[in-house]
Amino acid sequence: MRRLHLLILALLASMSSVVSAHELSMAEMEVRETSPGEFLWQWTASSDKAPAVVLAPVWPESCAVDMNMLRCGQKGLFGTLRVDGVGEDYSAAIVKIYWLDGQSRVFTLTSRQPEVHLYGSAEDKRGMGEIAWAYATLGVEHILAGFDHLMFVLSLLFLVGFNKRLVYTISAFTLAHSLTLALSSLGLLTLRPPPVEATIALSIMLVAAEALNKEQTLSRRWPALVAFLFGLVHGLGFAGALSEIGLPQNNLFVALLTFNVGVELGQLLVVVLCYGLYRVLASQPFFSAARKPALYAIGGVAAYWSIGRIVGILV
């Protein structure tokens, strides 16, 4: 029993540190045109490790760099912008560019997409295929780095098990978060992020607790209904991340659709990997004994997370 408690504490500590790292993984850069062809740029994200120390922007060849000033001539910001180091201390770099005419554009660079082509103005000239690939990749990366959403999916797996009901449960979760993701991204449904994030953490804690409960509760009888209801909230969380990334004005629906497809692909990848582990380890004696400590670890992290987020709303 003492070893079990130590295992739970170790899992809690490791997962808490990972969660904290995820919450600080976005670096933001602001680029503002001060006169035709001249731009002032700076990192605006705050972190224990300053973005300037670990991230290095590589500007288009036509731009001359003088400290935090860019002089790009008549073409303006035209060419390829790359950020070296993204994907290490920071999972993504969000570049916000403001032009003299009042227009702006947001670009998100990740380890899989560390560069973007700029066209000298706010006009987004990327084709449909390029936008689809970019946003599908961002969707996959977001779900794989979104530990709160992954913990919820894992809790559902523990609650339902690998049987036919899992198909309906995951489908209900997918339908729900796709619905609210679309409504929120299109501006038809708006909620403040702090209550949404707190509810997401509470949903993990509830499903983990229900997976530990041996009685035939509502969650055990109708897991698809529970997944749908909480999926509505998780979709708002996805929408919050997408609002930070930004949506292109041209091919907006393509970007929204492919981001959601990317989220689903990442989610299915996790389920398939878990099923593979289940098939390999189910016959091992320790496997059934590890179920309860794993659920206690997930619920403990979610409880810790819930308290912090609720306090954040009230303070």
C-alpha atoms as a PDB file:
ATOM      1  CA  MET A   1       0.000   0.000   0.000  1.00  0.00           C
ATOM      2  CA  ARG A   2       2.877   2.365   0.780  1.00  0.00           C
ATOM      3  CA  ARG A   3       4.378   1.694  -2.637  1.00  0.00           C
ATOM      4  CA  LEU A   4       1.000   2.418  -4.202  1.00  0.00           C
ATOM      5  CA  HIS A   5       0.835   5.802  -2.468  1.00  0.00           C
ATOM      6  CA  LEU A   6       4.364   6.617  -3.615  1.00  0.00           C
ATOM      7  CA  LEU A   7       3.444   5.688  -7.168  1.00  0.00           C
ATOM      8  CA  ILE A   8       0.404   7.970  -7.085  1.00  0.00           C
ATOM      9  CA  LEU A   9       2.466  10.858  -5.728  1.00  0.00           C
ATOM     10  CA  ALA A  10       5.103  10.340  -8.404  1.00  0.00           C
ATOM     11  CA  LEU A  11       2.457  10.348 -11.127  1.00  0.00           C
ATOM     12  CA  LEU A  12       0.878  13.493  -9.677  1.00  0.00           C
ATOM     13  CA  ALA A  13       4.211  15.313  -9.539  1.00  0.00           C
ATOM     14  CA  SER A  14       5.218  14.366 -13.070  1.00  0.00           C
ATOM     15  CA  MET A  15       1.827  15.175 -14.593  1.00  0.00           C
ATOM     16  CA  SER A  16       1.582  18.489 -12.729  1.00  0.00           C
ATOM     17  CA  SER A  17       4.961  19.575 -14.062  1.00  0.00           C
ATOM     18  CA  VAL A  18       3.950  18.633 -17.590  1.00  0.00           C
ATOM     19  CA  VAL A  19       0.676  20.535 -17.275  1.00  0.00           C
ATOM     20  CA  SER A  20       2.482  23.620 -16.013  1.00  0.00           C
ATOM     21  CA  ALA A  21       4.904  23.462 -18.908  1.00  0.00           C
ATOM     22  CA  HIS A  22       2.003  23.217 -21.371  1.00  0.00           C
ATOM     23  CA  GLU A  23       0.327  26.320 -19.994  1.00  0.00           C
ATOM     24  CA  LEU A  24       3.480  28.413 -20.667  1.00  0.00           C
ATOM     25  CA  SER A  25       4.354  27.000 -24.078  1.00  0.00           C
ATOM     26  CA  MET A  26       3.159  29.883 -26.254  1.00  0.00           C
ATOM     27  CA  ALA A  27       5.554  32.665 -27.239  1.00  0.00           C
ATOM     28  CA  GLU A  28       4.136  35.813 -28.823  1.00  0.00           C
ATOM     29  CA  MET A  29       5.880  38.259 -31.113  1.00  0.00           C
ATOM     30  CA  GLU A  30       4.505  41.606 -32.219  1.00  0.00           C
ATOM     31  CA  VAL A  31       5.673  43.180 -35.487  1.00  0.00           C
ATOM     32  CA  ARG A  32       4.380  46.689 -36.161  1.00  0.00           C
ATOM     33  CA  GLU A  33       4.969  48.786 -39.298  1.00  0.00           C
ATOM     34  CA  THR A  34       6.085  52.250 -38.193  1.00  0.00           C
ATOM     35  CA  SER A  35       6.706  53.733 -41.660  1.00  0.00           C
ATOM     36  CA  PRO A  36       6.524  52.268 -45.189  1.00  0.00           C
ATOM     37  CA  GLY A  37       8.813  49.224 -45.263  1.00  0.00           C
ATOM     38  CA  GLU A  38      10.067  49.675 -41.682  1.00  0.00           C
ATOM     39  CA  PHE A  39       8.921  47.501 -38.789  1.00  0.00           C
ATOM     40  CA  LEU A  40       9.507  47.417 -35.052  1.00  0.00           C
ATOM     41  CA  TRP A  41       9.416  43.910 -33.579  1.00  0.00           C
ATOM     42  CA  GLN A  42       9.569  42.496 -30.046  1.00  0.00           C
ATOM     43  CA  TRP A  43       8.669  39.411 -28.038  1.00  0.00           C
ATOM     44  CA  THR A  44       5.639  40.123 -25.861  1.00  0.00           C
ATOM     45  CA  ALA A  45       5.242  36.772 -24.035  1.00  0.00           C
ATOM     46  CA  SER A  46       6.218  36.605 -20.361  1.00  0.00           C
ATOM     47  CA  SER A  47       7.889  33.448 -19.041  1.00  0.00           C
ATOM     48  CA  ASP A  48      10.581  32.231 -16.681  1.00  0.00           C
ATOM     49  CA  LYS A  49      12.749  31.827 -19.759  1.00  0.00           C
ATOM     50  CA  ALA A  50      12.535  34.829 -22.088  1.00  0.00           C
ATOM     51  CA  PRO A  51      11.638  33.951 -25.701  1.00  0.00           C
ATOM     52  CA  ALA A  52      14.600  35.981 -26.985  1.00  0.00           C
ATOM     53  CA  VAL A  53      16.963  33.557 -25.230  1.00  0.00           C
ATOM     54  CA  VAL A  54      15.647  30.372 -26.870  1.00  0.00           C
ATOM     55  CA  LEU A  55      13.923  31.568 -30.056  1.00  0.00           C
ATOM     56  CA  ALA A  56      15.630  33.221 -33.018  1.00  0.00           C
ATOM     57  CA  PRO A  57      13.582  34.767 -35.860  1.00  0.00           C
ATOM     58  CA  VAL A  58      15.093  34.516 -39.345  1.00  0.00           C
ATOM     59  CA  TRP A  59      13.643  37.339 -41.445  1.00  0.00           C
ATOM     60  CA  PRO A  60      13.151  37.540 -45.233  1.00  0.00           C
ATOM     61  CA  GLU A  61      16.387  38.121 -47.152  1.00  0.00           C
ATOM     62  CA  SER A  62      15.205  41.547 -48.325  1.00  0.00           C
ATOM     63  CA  CYS A  63      14.986  42.814 -44.716  1.00  0.00           C
ATOM     64  CA  ALA A  64      17.950  44.391 -42.930  1.00  0.00           C
ATOM     65  CA  VAL A  65      17.904  43.820 -39.164  1.00  0.00           C
ATOM     66  CA  ASP A  66      19.102  46.506 -36.755  1.00  0.00           C
ATOM     67  CA  MET A  67      18.379  45.335 -33.194  1.00  0.00           C
ATOM     68  CA  ASN A  68      14.557  45.442 -32.996  1.00  0.00           C
ATOM     69  CA  MET A  69      14.104  47.383 -36.221  1.00  0.00           C
ATOM     70  CA  LEU A  70      13.498  45.829 -39.649  1.00  0.00           C
ATOM     71  CA  ARG A  71      14.109  47.761 -42.845  1.00  0.00           C
ATOM     72  CA  CYS A  72      12.551  45.862 -45.726  1.00  0.00           C
ATOM     73  CA  GLY A  73      12.361  48.472 -48.509  1.00  0.00           C
ATOM     74  CA  GLN A  74       9.520  48.858 -50.990  1.00  0.00           C
ATOM     75  CA  LYS A  75       8.450  45.211 -50.901  1.00  0.00           C
ATOM     76  CA  GLY A  76       7.891  45.342 -47.164  1.00  0.00           C
ATOM     77  CA  LEU A  77       7.710  42.023 -45.325  1.00  0.00           C
ATOM     78  CA  PHE A  78       7.916  39.803 -48.385  1.00  0.00           C
ATOM     79  CA  GLY A  79       9.542  36.382 -48.241  1.00  0.00           C
ATOM     80  CA  THR A  80       9.986  33.574 -45.750  1.00  0.00           C
ATOM     81  CA  LEU A  81       9.902  34.139 -41.991  1.00  0.00           C
ATOM     82  CA  ARG A  82      11.298  31.322 -39.838  1.00  0.00           C
ATOM     83  CA  VAL A  83      11.659  30.960 -36.075  1.00  0.00           C
ATOM     84  CA  ASP A  84      14.518  28.706 -34.998  1.00  0.00           C
ATOM     85  CA  GLY A  85      14.146  26.896 -31.668  1.00  0.00           C
ATOM     86  CA  VAL A  86      10.351  26.613 -31.725  1.00  0.00           C
ATOM     87  CA  GLY A  87       9.139  23.268 -30.395  1.00  0.00           C
ATOM     88  CA  GLU A  88      11.673  23.080 -27.567  1.00  0.00           C
ATOM     89  CA  ASP A  89      10.949  25.426 -24.651  1.00  0.00           C
ATOM     90  CA  TYR A  90       7.950  26.806 -26.539  1.00  0.00           C
ATOM     91  CA  SER A  91       5.583  24.573 -28.496  1.00  0.00           C
ATOM     92  CA  ALA A  92       4.512  27.441 -30.762  1.00  0.00           C
ATOM     93  CA  ALA A  93       5.412  31.005 -31.689  1.00  0.00           C
ATOM     94  CA  ILE A  94       2.512  33.327 -32.508  1.00  0.00           C
ATOM     95  CA  VAL A  95       3.572  36.198 -34.769  1.00  0.00           C
ATOM     96  CA  LYS A  96       1.189  39.175 -34.896  1.00  0.00           C
ATOM     97  CA  ILE A  97       1.900  41.651 -37.704  1.00  0.00           C
ATOM     98  CA  TYR A  98       0.275  45.103 -37.856  1.00  0.00           C
ATOM     99  CA  TRP A  99       0.513  47.153 -41.064  1.00  0.00           C
ATOM    100  CA  LEU A 100       0.255  50.930 -41.500  1.00  0.00           C
ATOM    101  CA  ASP A 101      -3.153  50.668 -43.173  1.00  0.00           C
ATOM    102  CA  GLY A 102      -4.607  49.280 -39.923  1.00  0.00           C
ATOM    103  CA  GLN A 103      -4.846  45.681 -41.077  1.00  0.00           C
ATOM    104  CA  SER A 104      -3.257  42.822 -39.152  1.00  0.00           C
ATOM    105  CA  ARG A 105      -2.508  39.143 -39.521  1.00  0.00           C
ATOM    106  CA  VAL A 106      -1.608  36.361 -37.094  1.00  0.00           C
ATOM    107  CA  PHE A 107       0.705  33.475 -37.996  1.00  0.00           C
ATOM    108  CA  THR A 108       1.432  30.423 -35.827  1.00  0.00           C
ATOM    109  CA  LEU A 109       4.778  28.637 -36.180  1.00  0.00           C
ATOM    110  CA  THR A 110       5.454  25.222 -34.674  1.00  0.00           C
ATOM    111  CA  SER A 111       8.177  22.589 -34.855  1.00  0.00           C
ATOM    112  CA  ARG A 112       6.370  20.966 -37.786  1.00  0.00           C
ATOM    113  CA  GLN A 113       5.744  24.326 -39.473  1.00  0.00           C
ATOM    114  CA  PRO A 114       8.626  26.552 -38.378  1.00  0.00           C
ATOM    115  CA  GLU A 115       8.279  28.990 -41.274  1.00  0.00           C
ATOM    116  CA  VAL A 116       5.633  30.968 -43.139  1.00  0.00           C
ATOM    117  CA  HIS A 117       5.668  32.911 -46.412  1.00  0.00           C
ATOM    118  CA  LEU A 118       4.791  36.611 -46.134  1.00  0.00           C
ATOM    119  CA  TYR A 119       3.417  38.610 -49.041  1.00  0.00           C
ATOM    120  CA  GLY A 120       4.157  42.198 -48.018  1.00  0.00           C
ATOM    121  CA  SER A 121       0.659  43.010 -46.782  1.00  0.00           C
ATOM    122  CA  ALA A 122      -2.168  41.684 -44.632  1.00  0.00           C
ATOM    123  CA  GLU A 123      -3.638  39.921 -47.658  1.00  0.00           C
ATOM    124  CA  ASP A 124      -3.408  36.170 -47.119  1.00  0.00           C
ATOM    125  CA  LYS A 125      -2.465  34.674 -50.495  1.00  0.00           C
ATOM    126  CA  ARG A 126      -2.080  31.107 -49.285  1.00  0.00           C
ATOM    127  CA  GLY A 127      -3.977  28.558 -51.356  1.00  0.00           C
ATOM    128  CA  MET A 128      -6.694  26.267 -50.045  1.00  0.00           C
ATOM    129  CA  GLY A 129      -4.346  23.275 -49.893  1.00  0.00           C
ATOM    130  CA  GLU A 130      -1.683  25.158 -47.924  1.00  0.00           C
ATOM    131  CA  ILE A 131      -4.238  26.446 -45.421  1.00  0.00           C
ATOM    132  CA  ALA A 132      -5.834  22.998 -45.056  1.00  0.00           C
ATOM    133  CA  TRP A 133      -2.477  21.346 -44.348  1.00  0.00           C
ATOM    134  CA  ALA A 134      -1.410  24.113 -41.941  1.00  0.00           C
ATOM    135  CA  TYR A 135      -4.577  23.999 -39.840  1.00  0.00           C
ATOM    136  CA  ALA A 136      -4.873  20.199 -39.851  1.00  0.00           C
ATOM    137  CA  THR A 137      -1.317  20.017 -38.511  1.00  0.00           C
ATOM    138  CA  LEU A 138      -2.113  22.655 -35.879  1.00  0.00           C
ATOM    139  CA  GLY A 139      -5.162  20.633 -34.820  1.00  0.00           C
ATOM    140  CA  VAL A 140      -3.107  17.468 -34.350  1.00  0.00           C
ATOM    141  CA  GLU A 141      -0.414  19.332 -32.423  1.00  0.00           C
ATOM    142  CA  HIS A 142      -2.979  21.057 -30.219  1.00  0.00           C
ATOM    143  CA  ILE A 143      -4.712  17.871 -29.080  1.00  0.00           C
ATOM    144  CA  LEU A 144      -1.421  16.043 -28.497  1.00  0.00           C
ATOM    145  CA  ALA A 145      -0.102  18.954 -26.417  1.00  0.00           C
ATOM    146  CA  GLY A 146      -3.457  19.620 -24.731  1.00  0.00           C
ATOM    147  CA  PHE A 147      -3.017  17.470 -21.645  1.00  0.00           C
ATOM    148  CA  ASP A 148      -6.400  18.408 -20.185  1.00  0.00           C
ATOM    149  CA  HIS A 149      -8.258  17.098 -23.248  1.00  0.00           C
ATOM    150  CA  LEU A 150      -6.090  13.968 -23.387  1.00  0.00           C
ATOM    151  CA  MET A 151      -6.731  13.261 -19.708  1.00  0.00           C
ATOM    152  CA  PHE A 152     -10.470  13.490 -20.358  1.00  0.00           C
ATOM    153  CA  VAL A 153     -10.223  11.016 -23.240  1.00  0.00           C
ATOM    154  CA  LEU A 154      -8.172   8.653 -21.053  1.00  0.00           C
ATOM    155  CA  SER A 155     -10.794   8.920 -18.314  1.00  0.00           C
ATOM    156  CA  LEU A 156     -13.470   7.971 -20.843  1.00  0.00           C
ATOM    157  CA  LEU A 157     -11.405   4.935 -21.866  1.00  0.00           C
ATOM    158  CA  PHE A 158     -11.212   3.841 -18.230  1.00  0.00           C
ATOM    159  CA  LEU A 159     -14.945   4.454 -17.769  1.00  0.00           C
ATOM    160  CA  VAL A 160     -16.163   2.604 -20.871  1.00  0.00           C
ATOM    161  CA  GLY A 161     -13.411   0.144 -21.741  1.00  0.00           C
ATOM    162  CA  PHE A 162     -12.598  -1.118 -25.237  1.00  0.00           C
ATOM    163  CA  ASN A 163     -16.005  -2.270 -26.445  1.00  0.00           C
ATOM    164  CA  LYS A 164     -18.768  -1.135 -28.812  1.00  0.00           C
ATOM    165  CA  ARG A 165     -19.964   1.569 -26.419  1.00  0.00           C
ATOM    166  CA  LEU A 166     -16.612   3.311 -26.795  1.00  0.00           C
ATOM    167  CA  VAL A 167     -17.434   4.072 -30.445  1.00  0.00           C
ATOM    168  CA  TYR A 168     -20.652   5.863 -29.448  1.00  0.00           C
ATOM    169  CA  THR A 169     -18.946   7.637 -26.554  1.00  0.00           C
ATOM    170  CA  ILE A 170     -16.041   8.999 -28.592  1.00  0.00           C
ATOM    171  CA  SER A 171     -18.418   9.912 -31.436  1.00  0.00           C
ATOM    172  CA  ALA A 172     -20.628  11.874 -29.017  1.00  0.00           C
ATOM    173  CA  PHE A 173     -17.584  13.713 -27.655  1.00  0.00           C
ATOM    174  CA  THR A 174     -16.440  14.497 -31.207  1.00  0.00           C
ATOM    175  CA  LEU A 175     -19.861  15.757 -32.303  1.00  0.00           C
ATOM    176  CA  ALA A 176     -20.220  17.988 -29.244  1.00  0.00           C
ATOM    177  CA  HIS A 177     -16.840  19.698 -29.341  1.00  0.00           C
ATOM    178  CA  SER A 178     -17.054  20.101 -33.141  1.00  0.00           C
ATOM    179  CA  LEU A 179     -20.358  21.945 -32.663  1.00  0.00           C
ATOM    180  CA  THR A 180     -19.181  24.430 -30.039  1.00  0.00           C
ATOM    181  CA  LEU A 181     -15.796  24.862 -31.739  1.00  0.00           C
ATOM    182  CA  ALA A 182     -17.572  25.990 -34.904  1.00  0.00           C
ATOM    183  CA  LEU A 183     -20.112  28.205 -33.121  1.00  0.00           C
ATOM    184  CA  SER A 184     -17.463  29.909 -30.986  1.00  0.00           C
ATOM    185  CA  SER A 185     -14.961  30.373 -33.828  1.00  0.00           C
ATOM    186  CA  LEU A 186     -17.655  31.998 -35.966  1.00  0.00           C
ATOM    187  CA  GLY A 187     -18.599  34.356 -33.116  1.00  0.00           C
ATOM    188  CA  LEU A 188     -22.042  32.816 -32.540  1.00  0.00           C
ATOM    189  CA  LEU A 189     -21.224  31.604 -29.017  1.00  0.00           C
ATOM    190  CA  THR A 190     -18.927  33.453 -26.648  1.00  0.00           C
ATOM    191  CA  LEU A 191     -17.939  32.567 -23.088  1.00  0.00           C
ATOM    192  CA  ARG A 192     -15.073  33.798 -20.927  1.00  0.00           C
ATOM    193  CA  PRO A 193     -12.079  31.393 -20.997  1.00  0.00           C
ATOM    194  CA  PRO A 194     -11.517  31.037 -17.191  1.00  0.00           C
ATOM    195  CA  PRO A 195     -14.900  29.365 -16.411  1.00  0.00           C
ATOM    196  CA  VAL A 196     -14.486  27.139 -19.477  1.00  0.00           C
ATOM    197  CA  GLU A 197     -11.024  25.994 -18.381  1.00  0.00           C
ATOM    198  CA  ALA A 198     -12.247  25.355 -14.834  1.00  0.00           C
ATOM    199  CA  THR A 199     -15.181  23.280 -16.106  1.00  0.00           C
ATOM    200  CA  ILE A 200     -12.851  21.230 -18.308  1.00  0.00           C
ATOM    201  CA  ALA A 201     -10.727  20.376 -15.267  1.00  0.00           C
ATOM    202  CA  LEU A 202     -13.869  19.483 -13.273  1.00  0.00           C
ATOM    203  CA  SER A 203     -15.060  17.229 -16.106  1.00  0.00           C
ATOM    204  CA  ILE A 204     -11.833  15.217 -15.902  1.00  0.00           C
ATOM    205  CA  MET A 205     -12.172  14.844 -12.144  1.00  0.00           C
ATOM    206  CA  LEU A 206     -15.818  13.738 -12.419  1.00  0.00           C
ATOM    207  CA  VAL A 207     -15.231  11.105 -15.133  1.00  0.00           C
ATOM    208  CA  ALA A 208     -12.167   9.747 -13.306  1.00  0.00           C
ATOM    209  CA  ALA A 209     -14.254   9.429 -10.123  1.00  0.00           C
ATOM    210  CA  GLU A 210     -17.057   7.722 -12.032  1.00  0.00           C
ATOM    211  CA  ALA A 211     -14.566   5.266 -13.534  1.00  0.00           C
ATOM    212  CA  LEU A 212     -13.568   4.326  -9.965  1.00  0.00           C
ATOM    213  CA  ASN A 213     -17.212   3.921  -8.910  1.00  0.00           C
ATOM    214  CA  LYS A 214     -18.455   0.327  -9.254  1.00  0.00           C
ATOM    215  CA  GLU A 215     -22.146   1.240  -9.016  1.00  0.00           C
ATOM    216  CA  GLN A 216     -24.316   1.709 -12.106  1.00  0.00           C
ATOM    217  CA  THR A 217     -24.402   5.497 -12.098  1.00  0.00           C
ATOM    218  CA  LEU A 218     -25.679   7.729 -14.908  1.00  0.00           C
ATOM    219  CA  SER A 219     -22.159   8.005 -16.309  1.00  0.00           C
ATOM    220  CA  ARG A 220     -21.809   4.229 -16.463  1.00  0.00           C
ATOM    221  CA  ARG A 221     -25.260   3.719 -17.998  1.00  0.00           C
ATOM    222  CA  TRP A 222     -25.050   6.609 -20.484  1.00  0.00           C
ATOM    223  CA  PRO A 223     -21.357   7.439 -21.058  1.00  0.00           C
ATOM    224  CA  ALA A 224     -22.133   8.883 -24.498  1.00  0.00           C
ATOM    225  CA  LEU A 225     -24.478  11.460 -22.929  1.00  0.00           C
ATOM    226  CA  VAL A 226     -21.818  12.477 -20.403  1.00  0.00           C
ATOM    227  CA  ALA A 227     -19.194  12.679 -23.167  1.00  0.00           C
ATOM    228  CA  PHE A 228     -21.525  14.858 -25.267  1.00  0.00           C
ATOM    229  CA  LEU A 229     -22.343  17.296 -22.467  1.00  0.00           C
ATOM    230  CA  PHE A 230     -18.728  17.771 -21.443  1.00  0.00           C
ATOM    231  CA  GLY A 231     -17.653  17.751 -25.090  1.00  0.00           C
ATOM    232  CA  LEU A 232     -19.611  20.990 -25.547  1.00  0.00           C
ATOM    233  CA  VAL A 233     -17.317  22.628 -22.974  1.00  0.00           C
ATOM    234  CA  HIS A 234     -14.143  21.100 -24.402  1.00  0.00           C
ATOM    235  CA  GLY A 235     -15.098  22.512 -27.808  1.00  0.00           C
ATOM    236  CA  LEU A 236     -15.033  25.995 -26.286  1.00  0.00           C
ATOM    237  CA  GLY A 237     -11.530  25.215 -25.028  1.00  0.00           C
ATOM    238  CA  PHE A 238     -10.451  24.248 -28.555  1.00  0.00           C
ATOM    239  CA  ALA A 239     -12.025  27.462 -29.841  1.00  0.00           C
ATOM    240  CA  GLY A 240     -10.003  29.487 -27.330  1.00  0.00           C
ATOM    241  CA  ALA A 241      -6.795  27.993 -28.678  1.00  0.00           C
ATOM    242  CA  LEU A 242      -7.935  28.584 -32.254  1.00  0.00           C
ATOM    243  CA  SER A 243      -8.703  32.234 -31.474  1.00  0.00           C
ATOM    244  CA  GLU A 244      -5.078  32.667 -30.361  1.00  0.00           C
ATOM    245  CA  ILE A 245      -3.862  31.055 -33.567  1.00  0.00           C
ATOM    246  CA  GLY A 246      -6.238  33.082 -35.723  1.00  0.00           C
ATOM    247  CA  LEU A 247      -8.344  32.131 -38.749  1.00  0.00           C
ATOM    248  CA  PRO A 248      -7.668  33.323 -42.316  1.00  0.00           C
ATOM    249  CA  GLN A 249     -10.398  35.451 -43.852  1.00  0.00           C
ATOM    250  CA  ASN A 250     -10.127  33.590 -47.127  1.00  0.00           C
ATOM    251  CA  ASN A 251     -10.916  29.884 -46.862  1.00  0.00           C
ATOM    252  CA  LEU A 252     -12.163  30.402 -43.293  1.00  0.00           C
ATOM    253  CA  PHE A 253     -14.392  27.330 -43.355  1.00  0.00           C
ATOM    254  CA  VAL A 254     -11.561  25.212 -44.776  1.00  0.00           C
ATOM    255  CA  ALA A 255      -9.295  26.285 -41.914  1.00  0.00           C
ATOM    256  CA  LEU A 256     -12.006  25.620 -39.322  1.00  0.00           C
ATOM    257  CA  LEU A 257     -12.873  22.222 -40.800  1.00  0.00           C
ATOM    258  CA  THR A 258      -9.295  21.013 -41.169  1.00  0.00           C
ATOM    259  CA  PHE A 259      -8.336  22.194 -37.671  1.00  0.00           C
ATOM    260  CA  ASN A 260     -11.194  20.100 -36.326  1.00  0.00           C
ATOM    261  CA  VAL A 261     -10.133  17.166 -38.501  1.00  0.00           C
ATOM    262  CA  GLY A 262      -6.631  17.494 -37.090  1.00  0.00           C
ATOM    263  CA  VAL A 263      -8.011  17.427 -33.541  1.00  0.00           C
ATOM    264  CA  GLU A 264      -9.940  14.245 -34.369  1.00  0.00           C
ATOM    265  CA  LEU A 265      -6.919  12.585 -35.959  1.00  0.00           C
ATOM    266  CA  GLY A 266      -4.833  13.334 -32.877  1.00  0.00           C
ATOM    267  CA  GLN A 267      -7.612  12.034 -30.632  1.00  0.00           C
ATOM    268  CA  LEU A 268      -7.954   8.810 -32.664  1.00  0.00           C
ATOM    269  CA  LEU A 269      -4.195   8.348 -32.582  1.00  0.00           C
ATOM    270  CA  VAL A 270      -4.271   8.424 -28.777  1.00  0.00           C
ATOM    271  CA  VAL A 271      -7.150   5.913 -28.654  1.00  0.00           C
ATOM    272  CA  VAL A 272      -5.358   3.561 -31.071  1.00  0.00           C
ATOM    273  CA  LEU A 273      -2.112   3.763 -29.082  1.00  0.00           C
ATOM    274  CA  CYS A 274      -3.992   3.054 -25.851  1.00  0.00           C
ATOM    275  CA  TYR A 275      -5.710   0.080 -27.481  1.00  0.00           C
ATOM    276  CA  GLY A 276      -2.337  -1.219 -28.639  1.00  0.00           C
ATOM    277  CA  LEU A 277      -0.955  -0.958 -25.096  1.00  0.00           C
ATOM    278  CA  TYR A 278      -4.068  -2.650 -23.768  1.00  0.00           C
ATOM    279  CA  ARG A 279      -3.640  -5.599 -26.146  1.00  0.00           C
ATOM    280  CA  VAL A 280       0.016  -5.977 -25.227  1.00  0.00           C
ATOM    281  CA  LEU A 281      -0.239  -5.509 -21.453  1.00  0.00           C
ATOM    282  CA  ALA A 282      -3.721  -6.837 -20.563  1.00  0.00           C
ATOM    283  CA  SER A 283      -2.371 -10.293 -19.747  1.00  0.00           C
ATOM    284  CA  GLN A 284       0.298  -8.940 -17.386  1.00  0.00           C
ATOM    285  CA  PRO A 285      -0.444  -9.303 -13.636  1.00  0.00           C
ATOM    286  CA  PHE A 286       0.338  -5.676 -12.819  1.00  0.00           C
ATOM    287  CA  PHE A 287      -1.988  -4.277 -15.495  1.00  0.00           C
ATOM    288  CA  SER A 288      -5.292  -4.542 -13.598  1.00  0.00           C
ATOM    289  CA  ALA A 289      -3.586  -3.335 -10.400  1.00  0.00           C
ATOM    290  CA  ALA A 290      -2.364  -0.177 -12.186  1.00  0.00           C
ATOM    291  CA  ARG A 291      -5.888   0.942 -13.125  1.00  0.00           C
ATOM    292  CA  LYS A 292      -6.803   2.444  -9.764  1.00  0.00           C
ATOM    293  CA  PRO A 293      -3.506   4.333  -9.198  1.00  0.00           C
ATOM    294  CA  ALA A 294      -3.751   5.756 -12.731  1.00  0.00           C
ATOM    295  CA  LEU A 295      -7.280   7.027 -12.125  1.00  0.00           C
ATOM    296  CA  TYR A 296      -6.303   8.486  -8.746  1.00  0.00           C
ATOM    297  CA  ALA A 297      -3.408  10.272 -10.449  1.00  0.00           C
ATOM    298  CA  ILE A 298      -5.648  11.676 -13.188  1.00  0.00           C
ATOM    299  CA  GLY A 299      -8.297  12.729 -10.675  1.00  0.00           C
ATOM    300  CA  GLY A 300      -5.711  14.238  -8.343  1.00  0.00           C
ATOM    301  CA  VAL A 301      -4.160  16.361 -11.074  1.00  0.00           C
ATOM    302  CA  ALA A 302      -7.630  17.429 -12.247  1.00  0.00           C
ATOM    303  CA  ALA A 303      -8.608  18.364  -8.667  1.00  0.00           C
ATOM    304  CA  TYR A 304      -5.432  20.418  -8.235  1.00  0.00           C
ATOM    305  CA  TRP A 305      -6.066  22.017 -11.604  1.00  0.00           C
ATOM    306  CA  SER A 306      -9.718  22.731 -10.760  1.00  0.00           C
ATOM    307  CA  ILE A 307      -8.818  24.522  -7.520  1.00  0.00           C
ATOM    308  CA  GLY A 308      -6.249  26.696  -9.261  1.00  0.00           C
ATOM    309  CA  ARG A 309      -8.583  27.635 -12.076  1.00  0.00           C
ATOM    310  CA  ILE A 310     -11.551  28.360  -9.807  1.00  0.00           C
ATOM    311  CA  VAL A 311      -9.341  30.559  -7.624  1.00  0.00           C
ATOM    312  CA  GLY A 312      -8.187  32.284 -10.812  1.00  0.00           C
ATOM    313  CA  ILE A 313     -11.810  33.157 -11.618  1.00  0.00           C
ATOM    314  CA  LEU A 314     -12.505  34.578  -8.163  1.00  0.00           C
ATOM    315  CA  VAL A 315      -9.273  36.532  -7.703  1.00  0.00           C
END
